[in-house]
Amino acid sequence: MMNDLARTGQPNWRIIGWAGLLALLLVPAIAMQFTREVAWGPGDFVVMGVLLAAVGLGVEAAVRLVRSPRNRLLVCAAIVMAFLLVWAELAVGIFN
């Protein structure tokens, strides 16, 4: 069975995207092994996992539903910006 790279000459961006989100979730787990500055509990990982899954699903929906490359980029940028705002609020409370 051939993978997408061998079949089409292009990588499977879905796998790369989801792997990137998983790697992003693993960064604090790795950092916790080296410093006390990062102290996440199980709840923190669950919340971040839900947020990253929402980003992944939102980008997947945008790629499938939005036909114009420009509009697709704008929708994906809006999804990422919303994620960053929620993350910053949860991390340090920027809106308080």
C-alpha atoms as a PDB file:
ATOM      1  CA  MET A   1       0.000   0.000   0.000  1.00  0.00           C
ATOM      2  CA  MET A   2       1.517   3.315  -1.081  1.00  0.00           C
ATOM      3  CA  ASN A   3       1.435   6.404   1.072  1.00  0.00           C
ATOM      4  CA  ASP A   4       0.359   9.826  -0.241  1.00  0.00           C
ATOM      5  CA  LEU A   5       3.929  11.012  -0.735  1.00  0.00           C
ATOM      6  CA  ALA A   6       4.803   8.074  -2.970  1.00  0.00           C
ATOM      7  CA  ARG A   7       1.478   8.209  -4.821  1.00  0.00           C
ATOM      8  CA  THR A   8       1.165  11.957  -5.466  1.00  0.00           C
ATOM      9  CA  GLY A   9       4.602  13.352  -4.714  1.00  0.00           C
ATOM     10  CA  GLN A  10       3.130  15.539  -1.942  1.00  0.00           C
ATOM     11  CA  PRO A  11       3.031  14.926   1.809  1.00  0.00           C
ATOM     12  CA  ASN A  12      -0.237  14.249   3.602  1.00  0.00           C
ATOM     13  CA  TRP A  13      -0.819  17.631   5.250  1.00  0.00           C
ATOM     14  CA  ARG A  14      -3.570  16.285   7.491  1.00  0.00           C
ATOM     15  CA  ILE A  15      -1.153  13.888   9.204  1.00  0.00           C
ATOM     16  CA  ILE A  16       1.490  16.599   9.473  1.00  0.00           C
ATOM     17  CA  GLY A  17      -1.028  19.044  10.973  1.00  0.00           C
ATOM     18  CA  TRP A  18      -2.394  16.629  13.560  1.00  0.00           C
ATOM     19  CA  ALA A  19       1.120  15.454  14.462  1.00  0.00           C
ATOM     20  CA  GLY A  20       2.141  19.091  14.909  1.00  0.00           C
ATOM     21  CA  LEU A  21      -0.769  19.699  17.285  1.00  0.00           C
ATOM     22  CA  LEU A  22       0.160  16.585  19.255  1.00  0.00           C
ATOM     23  CA  ALA A  23       3.781  17.748  19.418  1.00  0.00           C
ATOM     24  CA  LEU A  24       2.580  21.123  20.686  1.00  0.00           C
ATOM     25  CA  LEU A  25       0.665  19.352  23.463  1.00  0.00           C
ATOM     26  CA  LEU A  26       3.793  17.389  24.405  1.00  0.00           C
ATOM     27  CA  VAL A  27       5.980  20.503  24.825  1.00  0.00           C
ATOM     28  CA  PRO A  28       4.810  21.264  28.403  1.00  0.00           C
ATOM     29  CA  ALA A  29       5.125  17.589  29.368  1.00  0.00           C
ATOM     30  CA  ILE A  30       8.729  17.609  28.216  1.00  0.00           C
ATOM     31  CA  ALA A  31       9.427  21.001  29.799  1.00  0.00           C
ATOM     32  CA  MET A  32       8.098  19.740  33.144  1.00  0.00           C
ATOM     33  CA  GLN A  33      10.941  17.210  33.185  1.00  0.00           C
ATOM     34  CA  PHE A  34      13.563  19.984  33.139  1.00  0.00           C
ATOM     35  CA  THR A  35      12.132  22.937  35.076  1.00  0.00           C
ATOM     36  CA  ARG A  36       9.746  23.742  37.892  1.00  0.00           C
ATOM     37  CA  GLU A  37       8.518  26.809  35.988  1.00  0.00           C
ATOM     38  CA  VAL A  38       6.116  24.602  34.034  1.00  0.00           C
ATOM     39  CA  ALA A  39       3.692  22.855  36.383  1.00  0.00           C
ATOM     40  CA  TRP A  40       0.708  21.533  34.465  1.00  0.00           C
ATOM     41  CA  GLY A  41      -1.799  19.179  36.023  1.00  0.00           C
ATOM     42  CA  PRO A  42      -3.986  16.640  34.239  1.00  0.00           C
ATOM     43  CA  GLY A  43      -6.751  19.219  33.846  1.00  0.00           C
ATOM     44  CA  ASP A  44      -4.411  21.584  32.041  1.00  0.00           C
ATOM     45  CA  PHE A  45      -3.542  18.892  29.519  1.00  0.00           C
ATOM     46  CA  VAL A  46      -7.223  18.058  28.995  1.00  0.00           C
ATOM     47  CA  VAL A  47      -8.153  21.704  28.400  1.00  0.00           C
ATOM     48  CA  MET A  48      -5.245  22.252  26.011  1.00  0.00           C
ATOM     49  CA  GLY A  49      -6.046  18.991  24.231  1.00  0.00           C
ATOM     50  CA  VAL A  50      -9.645  20.142  23.725  1.00  0.00           C
ATOM     51  CA  LEU A  51      -8.469  23.539  22.466  1.00  0.00           C
ATOM     52  CA  LEU A  52      -5.977  22.002  20.055  1.00  0.00           C
ATOM     53  CA  ALA A  53      -8.569  19.504  18.828  1.00  0.00           C
ATOM     54  CA  ALA A  54     -10.961  22.401  18.188  1.00  0.00           C
ATOM     55  CA  VAL A  55      -8.257  24.171  16.187  1.00  0.00           C
ATOM     56  CA  GLY A  56      -7.531  21.032  14.188  1.00  0.00           C
ATOM     57  CA  LEU A  57     -11.187  20.380  13.446  1.00  0.00           C
ATOM     58  CA  GLY A  58     -11.769  24.026  12.571  1.00  0.00           C
ATOM     59  CA  VAL A  59      -8.871  24.062  10.123  1.00  0.00           C
ATOM     60  CA  GLU A  60     -10.032  20.754   8.624  1.00  0.00           C
ATOM     61  CA  ALA A  61     -13.521  22.215   8.139  1.00  0.00           C
ATOM     62  CA  ALA A  62     -12.100  25.387   6.591  1.00  0.00           C
ATOM     63  CA  VAL A  63      -9.946  23.431   4.161  1.00  0.00           C
ATOM     64  CA  ARG A  64     -12.890  21.283   3.104  1.00  0.00           C
ATOM     65  CA  LEU A  65     -15.610  23.943   2.959  1.00  0.00           C
ATOM     66  CA  VAL A  66     -13.908  27.169   1.845  1.00  0.00           C
ATOM     67  CA  ARG A  67     -12.935  27.096  -1.823  1.00  0.00           C
ATOM     68  CA  SER A  68     -11.043  30.370  -2.264  1.00  0.00           C
ATOM     69  CA  PRO A  69      -7.403  30.045  -1.104  1.00  0.00           C
ATOM     70  CA  ARG A  70      -7.462  33.628   0.204  1.00  0.00           C
ATOM     71  CA  ASN A  71     -10.641  33.085   2.213  1.00  0.00           C
ATOM     72  CA  ARG A  72      -9.375  29.721   3.441  1.00  0.00           C
ATOM     73  CA  LEU A  73      -6.239  31.426   4.735  1.00  0.00           C
ATOM     74  CA  LEU A  74      -8.317  34.135   6.433  1.00  0.00           C
ATOM     75  CA  VAL A  75     -10.586  31.584   8.119  1.00  0.00           C
ATOM     76  CA  CYS A  76      -7.597  29.535   9.308  1.00  0.00           C
ATOM     77  CA  ALA A  77      -5.908  32.692  10.611  1.00  0.00           C
ATOM     78  CA  ALA A  78      -9.096  33.621  12.491  1.00  0.00           C
ATOM     79  CA  ILE A  79      -9.217  30.146  14.044  1.00  0.00           C
ATOM     80  CA  VAL A  80      -5.592  30.391  15.163  1.00  0.00           C
ATOM     81  CA  MET A  81      -6.108  33.923  16.530  1.00  0.00           C
ATOM     82  CA  ALA A  82      -9.170  32.793  18.506  1.00  0.00           C
ATOM     83  CA  PHE A  83      -7.109  29.920  19.921  1.00  0.00           C
ATOM     84  CA  LEU A  84      -4.298  32.285  20.924  1.00  0.00           C
ATOM     85  CA  LEU A  85      -6.734  34.662  22.649  1.00  0.00           C
ATOM     86  CA  VAL A  86      -8.366  31.849  24.634  1.00  0.00           C
ATOM     87  CA  TRP A  87      -4.962  30.395  25.507  1.00  0.00           C
ATOM     88  CA  ALA A  88      -3.637  33.754  26.701  1.00  0.00           C
ATOM     89  CA  GLU A  89      -6.766  34.356  28.761  1.00  0.00           C
ATOM     90  CA  LEU A  90      -6.519  30.946  30.410  1.00  0.00           C
ATOM     91  CA  ALA A  91      -2.768  31.330  31.012  1.00  0.00           C
ATOM     92  CA  VAL A  92      -2.563  34.833  32.467  1.00  0.00           C
ATOM     93  CA  GLY A  93      -6.013  36.429  32.325  1.00  0.00           C
ATOM     94  CA  ILE A  94      -5.305  39.219  29.838  1.00  0.00           C
ATOM     95  CA  PHE A  95      -8.911  40.443  29.870  1.00  0.00           C
ATOM     96  CA  ASN A  96      -9.114  40.982  33.643  1.00  0.00           C
END
